[in-house]
N, C-alpha and C. Protein backbone atom coordinates (compact mmCIF):
# COMPACT_ATOMS: atom_id res chain seq x y z
N MET A 1 120.29 -61.33 26.78
CA MET A 1 118.97 -61.17 26.19
C MET A 1 119.03 -60.13 25.08
N LYS A 2 118.57 -60.51 23.91
CA LYS A 2 118.60 -59.61 22.76
C LYS A 2 117.39 -58.69 22.79
N THR A 3 117.62 -57.39 22.64
CA THR A 3 116.50 -56.44 22.65
C THR A 3 116.25 -55.93 21.24
N ALA A 4 115.01 -55.63 20.97
CA ALA A 4 114.63 -55.13 19.64
C ALA A 4 114.96 -53.64 19.53
N ASN A 5 115.19 -53.21 18.33
CA ASN A 5 115.45 -51.79 18.07
C ASN A 5 114.14 -51.02 18.23
N THR A 6 114.12 -50.08 19.16
CA THR A 6 112.90 -49.30 19.39
C THR A 6 113.05 -47.87 18.91
N SER A 7 114.16 -47.57 18.24
CA SER A 7 114.35 -46.21 17.75
C SER A 7 113.55 -45.99 16.48
N PRO A 8 113.30 -44.72 16.13
CA PRO A 8 112.58 -44.45 14.90
C PRO A 8 113.37 -44.96 13.70
N LEU A 9 112.73 -45.00 12.56
CA LEU A 9 113.41 -45.42 11.34
C LEU A 9 114.65 -44.55 11.13
N PRO A 10 115.66 -45.06 10.42
CA PRO A 10 116.93 -44.34 10.30
C PRO A 10 116.79 -42.88 9.86
N ARG A 11 115.86 -42.57 8.99
CA ARG A 11 115.67 -41.19 8.56
C ARG A 11 114.32 -40.71 9.07
N SER A 12 114.34 -39.90 10.10
CA SER A 12 113.08 -39.34 10.58
C SER A 12 112.72 -38.15 9.70
N ILE A 13 111.49 -37.70 9.79
CA ILE A 13 111.01 -36.59 8.97
C ILE A 13 111.90 -35.36 9.16
N SER A 14 112.22 -35.04 10.42
CA SER A 14 112.97 -33.81 10.68
C SER A 14 114.40 -33.87 10.15
N SER A 15 114.94 -35.08 9.95
CA SER A 15 116.31 -35.19 9.43
C SER A 15 116.39 -34.83 7.95
N LEU A 16 115.26 -34.70 7.29
CA LEU A 16 115.25 -34.35 5.87
C LEU A 16 115.41 -32.86 5.62
N PHE A 17 115.35 -32.05 6.68
CA PHE A 17 115.41 -30.60 6.54
C PHE A 17 116.72 -30.07 7.11
N PRO A 18 117.32 -29.07 6.43
CA PRO A 18 118.60 -28.55 6.92
C PRO A 18 118.49 -27.79 8.24
N SER A 19 117.40 -27.09 8.45
CA SER A 19 117.22 -26.31 9.68
C SER A 19 116.48 -27.16 10.71
N ARG A 20 116.95 -27.11 11.97
CA ARG A 20 116.30 -27.87 13.05
C ARG A 20 114.86 -27.40 13.28
N ILE A 21 114.65 -26.09 13.22
CA ILE A 21 113.29 -25.56 13.43
C ILE A 21 112.36 -26.00 12.30
N ALA A 22 112.85 -25.91 11.05
CA ALA A 22 112.04 -26.34 9.91
C ALA A 22 111.74 -27.83 9.99
N GLY A 23 112.72 -28.62 10.42
CA GLY A 23 112.53 -30.06 10.56
C GLY A 23 111.50 -30.40 11.63
N THR A 24 111.60 -29.72 12.75
CA THR A 24 110.65 -29.95 13.85
C THR A 24 109.24 -29.55 13.42
N LEU A 25 109.11 -28.41 12.78
CA LEU A 25 107.81 -27.95 12.31
C LEU A 25 107.23 -28.92 11.28
N ALA A 26 108.08 -29.37 10.34
CA ALA A 26 107.62 -30.32 9.32
C ALA A 26 107.14 -31.62 9.95
N GLU A 27 107.85 -32.06 10.98
CA GLU A 27 107.46 -33.30 11.65
C GLU A 27 106.13 -33.15 12.37
N VAL A 28 105.92 -32.03 13.04
CA VAL A 28 104.65 -31.79 13.72
C VAL A 28 103.50 -31.72 12.70
N VAL A 29 103.72 -31.00 11.60
CA VAL A 29 102.70 -30.90 10.54
C VAL A 29 102.40 -32.27 9.96
N PHE A 30 103.44 -33.05 9.71
CA PHE A 30 103.25 -34.41 9.18
C PHE A 30 102.40 -35.25 10.12
N LEU A 31 102.71 -35.23 11.43
CA LEU A 31 101.97 -36.01 12.39
C LEU A 31 100.51 -35.55 12.50
N LEU A 32 100.30 -34.24 12.50
CA LEU A 32 98.93 -33.72 12.52
C LEU A 32 98.17 -34.18 11.28
N PHE A 33 98.83 -34.08 10.12
CA PHE A 33 98.20 -34.51 8.87
C PHE A 33 97.86 -36.00 8.91
N LEU A 34 98.76 -36.80 9.45
CA LEU A 34 98.53 -38.24 9.55
C LEU A 34 97.30 -38.54 10.41
N GLY A 35 97.17 -37.83 11.52
CA GLY A 35 95.99 -37.99 12.37
C GLY A 35 94.71 -37.55 11.67
N MET A 36 94.80 -36.46 10.90
CA MET A 36 93.64 -36.01 10.12
C MET A 36 93.26 -37.04 9.06
N LEU A 37 94.28 -37.58 8.38
CA LEU A 37 94.04 -38.60 7.36
C LEU A 37 93.37 -39.83 7.98
N ALA A 38 93.84 -40.24 9.15
CA ALA A 38 93.25 -41.40 9.84
C ALA A 38 91.77 -41.16 10.11
N MET A 39 91.40 -39.93 10.48
CA MET A 39 90.01 -39.64 10.77
C MET A 39 89.16 -39.55 9.50
N VAL A 40 89.74 -39.03 8.42
CA VAL A 40 89.02 -38.98 7.14
C VAL A 40 88.75 -40.41 6.65
N ILE A 41 89.75 -41.29 6.76
CA ILE A 41 89.55 -42.69 6.38
C ILE A 41 88.48 -43.32 7.25
N HIS A 42 88.52 -43.05 8.54
CA HIS A 42 87.50 -43.55 9.48
C HIS A 42 86.10 -43.12 9.01
N ALA A 43 85.96 -41.86 8.63
CA ALA A 43 84.65 -41.33 8.21
C ALA A 43 84.18 -41.98 6.91
N LYS A 44 85.10 -42.20 5.99
CA LYS A 44 84.73 -42.74 4.68
C LYS A 44 84.45 -44.24 4.72
N LEU A 45 84.98 -44.94 5.73
CA LEU A 45 84.78 -46.38 5.83
C LEU A 45 83.75 -46.77 6.88
N ARG A 46 82.86 -45.85 7.21
CA ARG A 46 81.84 -46.17 8.22
C ARG A 46 80.78 -47.08 7.62
N ILE A 47 80.89 -48.35 7.95
CA ILE A 47 79.92 -49.35 7.49
C ILE A 47 79.33 -49.99 8.74
N PRO A 48 78.00 -49.95 8.89
CA PRO A 48 77.40 -50.53 10.10
C PRO A 48 77.59 -52.05 10.14
N MET A 49 78.42 -52.52 11.09
CA MET A 49 78.72 -53.96 11.19
C MET A 49 78.51 -54.49 12.61
N GLN A 50 78.06 -53.69 13.53
CA GLN A 50 77.89 -54.10 14.93
C GLN A 50 79.21 -54.55 15.55
N LEU A 51 80.33 -53.97 15.09
CA LEU A 51 81.64 -54.27 15.65
C LEU A 51 82.28 -52.97 16.12
N PRO A 52 81.96 -52.54 17.33
CA PRO A 52 82.53 -51.29 17.82
C PRO A 52 84.05 -51.35 17.86
N GLY A 53 84.68 -50.28 17.42
CA GLY A 53 86.13 -50.19 17.49
C GLY A 53 86.88 -50.70 16.28
N ARG A 54 86.16 -51.18 15.25
CA ARG A 54 86.84 -51.76 14.09
C ARG A 54 87.71 -50.74 13.35
N GLN A 55 87.38 -49.44 13.48
CA GLN A 55 88.19 -48.40 12.84
C GLN A 55 89.57 -48.31 13.48
N GLY A 56 89.74 -48.91 14.63
CA GLY A 56 91.03 -48.88 15.31
C GLY A 56 92.14 -49.54 14.53
N VAL A 57 91.80 -50.49 13.67
CA VAL A 57 92.85 -51.16 12.89
C VAL A 57 93.56 -50.15 12.01
N MET A 58 92.82 -49.45 11.16
CA MET A 58 93.44 -48.48 10.25
C MET A 58 93.97 -47.27 11.02
N PHE A 59 93.18 -46.80 11.99
CA PHE A 59 93.58 -45.62 12.75
C PHE A 59 94.92 -45.85 13.46
N LEU A 60 95.02 -46.94 14.20
CA LEU A 60 96.24 -47.20 14.96
C LEU A 60 97.42 -47.57 14.06
N THR A 61 97.14 -48.19 12.92
CA THR A 61 98.22 -48.47 11.97
C THR A 61 98.88 -47.17 11.55
N LEU A 62 98.08 -46.18 11.19
CA LEU A 62 98.63 -44.89 10.77
C LEU A 62 99.34 -44.17 11.92
N ILE A 63 98.77 -44.23 13.11
CA ILE A 63 99.40 -43.56 14.26
C ILE A 63 100.74 -44.22 14.58
N ILE A 64 100.80 -45.54 14.53
CA ILE A 64 102.05 -46.26 14.81
C ILE A 64 103.09 -45.98 13.73
N LEU A 65 102.66 -45.88 12.48
CA LEU A 65 103.59 -45.52 11.41
C LEU A 65 104.16 -44.12 11.66
N GLY A 66 103.31 -43.21 12.11
CA GLY A 66 103.77 -41.86 12.45
C GLY A 66 104.78 -41.89 13.58
N ARG A 67 104.51 -42.71 14.60
CA ARG A 67 105.46 -42.85 15.73
C ARG A 67 106.81 -43.36 15.22
N GLY A 68 106.77 -44.27 14.26
CA GLY A 68 107.99 -44.90 13.77
C GLY A 68 108.89 -43.98 12.97
N VAL A 69 108.31 -42.97 12.33
CA VAL A 69 109.14 -42.05 11.53
C VAL A 69 109.37 -40.74 12.26
N SER A 70 108.98 -40.68 13.51
CA SER A 70 109.12 -39.45 14.28
C SER A 70 110.18 -39.62 15.37
N GLN A 71 110.82 -38.52 15.70
CA GLN A 71 111.78 -38.51 16.81
C GLN A 71 111.11 -38.11 18.12
N PHE A 72 109.85 -37.68 18.06
CA PHE A 72 109.17 -37.21 19.26
C PHE A 72 108.64 -38.37 20.10
N PRO A 73 108.88 -38.36 21.42
CA PRO A 73 108.34 -39.42 22.26
C PRO A 73 106.81 -39.37 22.35
N PHE A 74 106.22 -38.19 22.10
CA PHE A 74 104.76 -38.07 22.16
C PHE A 74 104.16 -37.86 20.76
N ALA A 75 104.71 -38.59 19.80
CA ALA A 75 104.24 -38.50 18.41
C ALA A 75 102.79 -38.95 18.28
N GLY A 76 102.39 -39.97 19.04
CA GLY A 76 101.01 -40.44 18.99
C GLY A 76 100.03 -39.36 19.45
N SER A 77 100.41 -38.61 20.47
CA SER A 77 99.56 -37.53 20.97
C SER A 77 99.40 -36.43 19.93
N ILE A 78 100.49 -36.12 19.23
CA ILE A 78 100.43 -35.08 18.20
C ILE A 78 99.52 -35.54 17.06
N ALA A 79 99.70 -36.79 16.62
CA ALA A 79 98.86 -37.32 15.55
C ALA A 79 97.39 -37.36 15.96
N CYS A 80 97.12 -37.77 17.19
CA CYS A 80 95.73 -37.80 17.67
C CYS A 80 95.15 -36.39 17.81
N ALA A 81 96.01 -35.40 18.06
CA ALA A 81 95.54 -34.01 18.07
C ALA A 81 95.05 -33.62 16.68
N GLY A 82 95.72 -34.13 15.63
CA GLY A 82 95.24 -33.91 14.26
C GLY A 82 93.86 -34.51 14.06
N SER A 83 93.64 -35.71 14.60
CA SER A 83 92.31 -36.33 14.53
C SER A 83 91.29 -35.49 15.27
N ALA A 84 91.68 -34.95 16.43
CA ALA A 84 90.77 -34.13 17.22
C ALA A 84 90.39 -32.85 16.48
N ILE A 85 91.35 -32.28 15.74
CA ILE A 85 91.04 -31.07 14.95
C ILE A 85 89.96 -31.37 13.93
N ILE A 86 90.09 -32.49 13.23
CA ILE A 86 89.07 -32.89 12.24
C ILE A 86 87.73 -33.14 12.92
N LEU A 87 87.75 -33.82 14.06
CA LEU A 87 86.51 -34.12 14.77
C LEU A 87 85.83 -32.85 15.27
N ALA A 88 86.62 -31.86 15.67
CA ALA A 88 86.05 -30.61 16.19
C ALA A 88 85.35 -29.81 15.11
N THR A 89 85.75 -29.99 13.85
CA THR A 89 85.09 -29.25 12.77
C THR A 89 83.75 -29.85 12.40
N SER A 90 83.57 -31.13 12.67
CA SER A 90 82.33 -31.89 12.44
C SER A 90 81.85 -31.90 11.00
N TRP A 91 82.71 -31.56 10.05
CA TRP A 91 82.27 -31.59 8.64
C TRP A 91 82.26 -33.00 8.07
N LEU A 92 82.76 -33.98 8.81
CA LEU A 92 82.74 -35.37 8.34
C LEU A 92 81.51 -36.13 8.84
N GLY A 93 80.67 -35.48 9.61
CA GLY A 93 79.44 -36.12 10.07
C GLY A 93 79.53 -36.82 11.41
N PHE A 94 80.61 -36.62 12.15
CA PHE A 94 80.69 -37.21 13.49
C PHE A 94 79.82 -36.39 14.43
N ARG A 95 79.01 -37.08 15.23
CA ARG A 95 78.04 -36.36 16.06
C ARG A 95 78.37 -36.37 17.55
N GLU A 96 79.45 -36.98 17.93
CA GLU A 96 79.80 -37.04 19.35
C GLU A 96 80.57 -35.77 19.73
N PRO A 97 79.98 -34.90 20.54
CA PRO A 97 80.63 -33.62 20.84
C PRO A 97 81.95 -33.73 21.60
N LEU A 98 82.13 -34.80 22.36
CA LEU A 98 83.35 -34.94 23.15
C LEU A 98 84.38 -35.86 22.48
N ALA A 99 84.15 -36.24 21.23
CA ALA A 99 85.09 -37.12 20.52
C ALA A 99 86.49 -36.53 20.42
N PRO A 100 86.65 -35.21 20.17
CA PRO A 100 88.03 -34.68 20.14
C PRO A 100 88.79 -34.91 21.44
N VAL A 101 88.10 -34.76 22.56
CA VAL A 101 88.73 -34.98 23.87
C VAL A 101 89.12 -36.45 24.02
N ILE A 102 88.25 -37.35 23.58
CA ILE A 102 88.52 -38.79 23.68
C ILE A 102 89.78 -39.14 22.89
N TYR A 103 89.90 -38.61 21.68
CA TYR A 103 91.06 -38.96 20.85
C TYR A 103 92.36 -38.37 21.39
N ILE A 104 92.30 -37.19 21.97
CA ILE A 104 93.49 -36.63 22.60
C ILE A 104 93.91 -37.50 23.79
N MET A 105 92.93 -37.95 24.57
CA MET A 105 93.23 -38.82 25.71
C MET A 105 93.83 -40.15 25.24
N ILE A 106 93.30 -40.70 24.15
CA ILE A 106 93.80 -41.97 23.62
C ILE A 106 95.25 -41.81 23.15
N GLY A 107 95.55 -40.71 22.45
CA GLY A 107 96.92 -40.48 22.00
C GLY A 107 97.89 -40.37 23.16
N PHE A 108 97.51 -39.64 24.18
CA PHE A 108 98.36 -39.47 25.36
C PHE A 108 98.57 -40.81 26.07
N LEU A 109 97.49 -41.56 26.24
CA LEU A 109 97.56 -42.87 26.89
C LEU A 109 98.43 -43.83 26.07
N LEU A 110 98.28 -43.82 24.76
CA LEU A 110 99.09 -44.66 23.89
C LEU A 110 100.58 -44.38 24.07
N ASP A 111 100.94 -43.10 24.09
CA ASP A 111 102.34 -42.73 24.26
C ASP A 111 102.88 -43.11 25.63
N ILE A 112 102.12 -42.83 26.68
CA ILE A 112 102.56 -43.16 28.05
C ILE A 112 102.76 -44.67 28.19
N LEU A 113 101.79 -45.45 27.70
CA LEU A 113 101.91 -46.91 27.79
C LEU A 113 103.13 -47.40 27.02
N PHE A 114 103.30 -46.91 25.78
CA PHE A 114 104.42 -47.36 24.96
C PHE A 114 105.76 -47.01 25.61
N LEU A 115 105.90 -45.78 26.08
CA LEU A 115 107.16 -45.37 26.68
C LEU A 115 107.51 -46.21 27.91
N ASN A 116 106.51 -46.64 28.65
CA ASN A 116 106.76 -47.48 29.82
C ASN A 116 106.98 -48.95 29.43
N PHE A 117 106.17 -49.46 28.50
CA PHE A 117 106.31 -50.86 28.10
C PHE A 117 107.64 -51.13 27.40
N LYS A 118 108.12 -50.16 26.61
CA LYS A 118 109.35 -50.43 25.84
C LYS A 118 110.58 -50.56 26.74
N ARG A 119 110.47 -50.15 27.99
CA ARG A 119 111.57 -50.33 28.95
C ARG A 119 111.72 -51.77 29.39
N ILE A 120 110.62 -52.52 29.35
CA ILE A 120 110.64 -53.87 29.91
C ILE A 120 110.35 -54.98 28.90
N MET A 121 110.04 -54.62 27.66
CA MET A 121 109.72 -55.66 26.67
C MET A 121 110.14 -55.22 25.28
N PRO A 122 110.21 -56.15 24.34
CA PRO A 122 110.60 -55.81 22.97
C PRO A 122 109.60 -54.85 22.31
N PHE A 123 110.10 -54.16 21.29
CA PHE A 123 109.32 -53.15 20.56
C PHE A 123 107.94 -53.66 20.13
N MET A 124 107.92 -54.84 19.50
CA MET A 124 106.66 -55.38 18.96
C MET A 124 105.63 -55.57 20.08
N MET A 125 106.04 -56.21 21.17
CA MET A 125 105.12 -56.46 22.28
C MET A 125 104.68 -55.15 22.93
N ALA A 126 105.60 -54.21 23.08
CA ALA A 126 105.25 -52.91 23.67
C ALA A 126 104.22 -52.19 22.81
N THR A 127 104.37 -52.29 21.49
CA THR A 127 103.42 -51.65 20.57
C THR A 127 102.06 -52.32 20.64
N LEU A 128 102.05 -53.64 20.60
CA LEU A 128 100.78 -54.38 20.63
C LEU A 128 99.99 -54.09 21.91
N LEU A 129 100.67 -54.17 23.03
CA LEU A 129 99.98 -53.94 24.30
C LEU A 129 99.51 -52.50 24.46
N SER A 130 100.36 -51.54 24.09
CA SER A 130 99.95 -50.15 24.25
C SER A 130 98.77 -49.81 23.34
N CYS A 131 98.76 -50.34 22.11
CA CYS A 131 97.63 -50.09 21.21
C CYS A 131 96.35 -50.75 21.72
N ALA A 132 96.46 -52.01 22.14
CA ALA A 132 95.28 -52.73 22.61
C ALA A 132 94.67 -52.06 23.84
N ILE A 133 95.51 -51.72 24.80
CA ILE A 133 95.00 -51.13 26.04
C ILE A 133 94.46 -49.71 25.79
N ALA A 134 95.21 -48.91 25.04
CA ALA A 134 94.76 -47.53 24.78
C ALA A 134 93.44 -47.53 24.02
N TRP A 135 93.32 -48.38 23.00
CA TRP A 135 92.08 -48.40 22.21
C TRP A 135 90.92 -48.96 23.02
N MET A 136 91.20 -49.88 23.93
CA MET A 136 90.17 -50.43 24.80
C MET A 136 89.57 -49.34 25.69
N PHE A 137 90.34 -48.29 25.95
CA PHE A 137 89.85 -47.21 26.80
C PHE A 137 88.81 -46.33 26.12
N VAL A 138 88.67 -46.43 24.79
CA VAL A 138 87.65 -45.62 24.10
C VAL A 138 86.27 -45.86 24.72
N PRO A 139 85.77 -47.12 24.79
CA PRO A 139 84.44 -47.30 25.40
C PRO A 139 84.42 -46.98 26.90
N LEU A 140 85.55 -47.20 27.59
CA LEU A 140 85.57 -46.91 29.02
C LEU A 140 85.48 -45.40 29.27
N ILE A 141 86.17 -44.62 28.43
CA ILE A 141 86.08 -43.15 28.55
C ILE A 141 84.65 -42.70 28.22
N LYS A 142 84.07 -43.29 27.17
CA LYS A 142 82.69 -42.95 26.80
C LYS A 142 81.71 -43.29 27.92
N LEU A 143 81.96 -44.42 28.57
CA LEU A 143 81.09 -44.82 29.68
C LEU A 143 81.19 -43.81 30.81
N GLY A 144 82.40 -43.36 31.13
CA GLY A 144 82.59 -42.34 32.15
C GLY A 144 81.90 -41.04 31.78
N ILE A 145 82.04 -40.64 30.52
CA ILE A 145 81.37 -39.41 30.04
C ILE A 145 79.85 -39.56 30.14
N SER A 146 79.36 -40.74 29.77
CA SER A 146 77.92 -40.99 29.82
C SER A 146 77.40 -40.89 31.26
N PHE A 147 78.15 -41.45 32.22
CA PHE A 147 77.74 -41.37 33.63
C PHE A 147 77.75 -39.92 34.12
N MET A 148 78.75 -39.14 33.72
CA MET A 148 78.89 -37.76 34.21
C MET A 148 77.94 -36.78 33.52
N THR A 149 77.68 -37.01 32.23
CA THR A 149 76.90 -36.01 31.47
C THR A 149 75.51 -36.48 31.06
N GLY A 150 75.29 -37.79 31.07
CA GLY A 150 74.02 -38.31 30.61
C GLY A 150 73.93 -38.48 29.10
N LEU A 151 75.04 -38.17 28.37
CA LEU A 151 75.05 -38.35 26.92
C LEU A 151 74.95 -39.83 26.59
N PRO A 152 74.04 -40.21 25.68
CA PRO A 152 73.94 -41.63 25.30
C PRO A 152 74.97 -41.98 24.22
N PHE A 153 75.51 -43.18 24.27
CA PHE A 153 76.41 -43.69 23.25
C PHE A 153 75.82 -44.99 22.71
N THR A 154 75.66 -45.07 21.40
CA THR A 154 75.02 -46.25 20.79
C THR A 154 75.86 -47.52 20.94
N SER A 155 77.15 -47.39 21.17
CA SER A 155 78.00 -48.58 21.27
C SER A 155 77.67 -49.43 22.50
N PHE A 156 76.89 -48.89 23.44
CA PHE A 156 76.56 -49.65 24.65
C PHE A 156 75.21 -50.37 24.56
N ARG A 157 74.60 -50.41 23.39
CA ARG A 157 73.28 -51.05 23.30
C ARG A 157 73.36 -52.56 23.57
N PHE A 158 74.56 -53.15 23.44
CA PHE A 158 74.74 -54.58 23.75
C PHE A 158 75.48 -54.78 25.07
N GLY A 159 75.58 -53.73 25.88
CA GLY A 159 76.29 -53.82 27.14
C GLY A 159 77.70 -53.25 27.01
N ILE A 160 78.49 -53.37 28.07
CA ILE A 160 79.84 -52.80 28.09
C ILE A 160 80.91 -53.82 27.68
N ILE A 161 80.68 -55.11 27.94
CA ILE A 161 81.70 -56.13 27.66
C ILE A 161 82.01 -56.22 26.17
N TRP A 162 80.98 -56.21 25.33
CA TRP A 162 81.18 -56.34 23.88
C TRP A 162 82.04 -55.21 23.32
N PRO A 163 81.73 -53.93 23.56
CA PRO A 163 82.60 -52.89 22.99
C PRO A 163 84.02 -52.88 23.57
N VAL A 164 84.16 -53.22 24.85
CA VAL A 164 85.52 -53.28 25.43
C VAL A 164 86.32 -54.40 24.75
N ALA A 165 85.70 -55.57 24.58
CA ALA A 165 86.40 -56.71 23.96
C ALA A 165 86.75 -56.41 22.50
N THR A 166 85.83 -55.83 21.75
CA THR A 166 86.11 -55.56 20.33
C THR A 166 87.15 -54.45 20.18
N HIS A 167 87.11 -53.44 21.03
CA HIS A 167 88.14 -52.40 20.99
C HIS A 167 89.52 -52.97 21.32
N LEU A 168 89.57 -53.85 22.31
CA LEU A 168 90.83 -54.49 22.67
C LEU A 168 91.39 -55.28 21.48
N PHE A 169 90.53 -56.06 20.84
CA PHE A 169 90.95 -56.87 19.69
C PHE A 169 91.43 -56.00 18.52
N PHE A 170 90.63 -55.00 18.17
CA PHE A 170 91.00 -54.16 17.02
C PHE A 170 92.20 -53.26 17.33
N GLY A 171 92.37 -52.88 18.58
CA GLY A 171 93.57 -52.14 18.97
C GLY A 171 94.81 -53.00 18.81
N PHE A 172 94.70 -54.25 19.23
CA PHE A 172 95.80 -55.20 19.08
C PHE A 172 96.14 -55.38 17.59
N ALA A 173 95.10 -55.54 16.77
CA ALA A 173 95.31 -55.75 15.33
C ALA A 173 95.95 -54.52 14.68
N GLY A 174 95.52 -53.32 15.07
CA GLY A 174 96.11 -52.10 14.53
C GLY A 174 97.57 -51.95 14.93
N GLY A 175 97.88 -52.29 16.18
CA GLY A 175 99.27 -52.26 16.64
C GLY A 175 100.12 -53.27 15.91
N LEU A 176 99.58 -54.46 15.69
CA LEU A 176 100.31 -55.51 14.97
C LEU A 176 100.62 -55.08 13.54
N LEU A 177 99.63 -54.54 12.86
CA LEU A 177 99.83 -54.12 11.47
C LEU A 177 100.83 -52.96 11.39
N GLY A 178 100.68 -51.96 12.24
CA GLY A 178 101.58 -50.82 12.24
C GLY A 178 103.01 -51.21 12.57
N ALA A 179 103.20 -52.02 13.62
CA ALA A 179 104.54 -52.44 14.02
C ALA A 179 105.17 -53.34 12.96
N SER A 180 104.37 -54.19 12.34
CA SER A 180 104.89 -55.07 11.28
C SER A 180 105.35 -54.27 10.08
N LEU A 181 104.58 -53.26 9.69
CA LEU A 181 104.99 -52.41 8.56
C LEU A 181 106.26 -51.64 8.89
N LEU A 182 106.41 -51.18 10.12
CA LEU A 182 107.64 -50.49 10.53
C LEU A 182 108.84 -51.42 10.47
N LYS A 183 108.67 -52.63 10.98
CA LYS A 183 109.78 -53.59 10.97
C LYS A 183 110.15 -53.96 9.53
N LEU A 184 109.15 -54.13 8.68
CA LEU A 184 109.39 -54.48 7.28
C LEU A 184 110.12 -53.35 6.56
N SER A 185 109.69 -52.11 6.78
CA SER A 185 110.35 -50.98 6.11
C SER A 185 111.76 -50.78 6.67
N ALA A 186 111.99 -51.00 7.96
CA ALA A 186 113.33 -50.89 8.53
C ALA A 186 114.25 -51.96 7.93
N HIS A 187 113.70 -53.14 7.70
CA HIS A 187 114.46 -54.24 7.10
C HIS A 187 114.90 -53.87 5.67
N PHE A 188 113.97 -53.32 4.89
CA PHE A 188 114.30 -52.94 3.51
C PHE A 188 115.25 -51.75 3.46
N LEU A 189 115.11 -50.80 4.39
CA LEU A 189 116.02 -49.66 4.42
C LEU A 189 117.45 -50.10 4.79
N LYS A 190 117.52 -51.09 5.66
CA LYS A 190 118.84 -51.59 6.08
C LYS A 190 119.55 -52.27 4.90
N LYS A 191 118.76 -52.95 4.04
CA LYS A 191 119.35 -53.66 2.90
C LYS A 191 119.80 -52.69 1.81
N SER A 192 119.11 -51.52 1.69
CA SER A 192 119.46 -50.60 0.60
C SER A 192 120.61 -49.67 0.94
């Protein structure tokens, strides 16, 4: 049985620096920046479409690209911590006070799922499933927060099935786009 290459791209961020400490620091900063960029794009592309979770396509694409150029097994968590930093400042107009916690949980869940799935399935399938399932947890986490705190979330105005289904779909799409871009860039790097 042929297995897909699940290692990062041949040149990870930290390999570009002569010092191991400088390389590690640069990689962490890069991942945090990528998560911040994903959140800024999310804020700038907020168009009311009644499709909860649609931002997951661009968000997860960037997070998966970060995972692909990183040597860290928890690269998704680091990138999502960057998103949480932006959300905690609230200068982009996000009004959900617990959003930083949600994004940190999503990053951790994404990494745990991917690390376990990649043991039993090819890279592409492991990425698609981990993105779809992790992103689907956004409304489920919000529902749990709503039950515990009484905070209302507008994404539930059509019930719970619709946001869970749309998050699952957009998570899958974000994983597909991110994994496809990684495979394409690995293909071109191998040729050069």
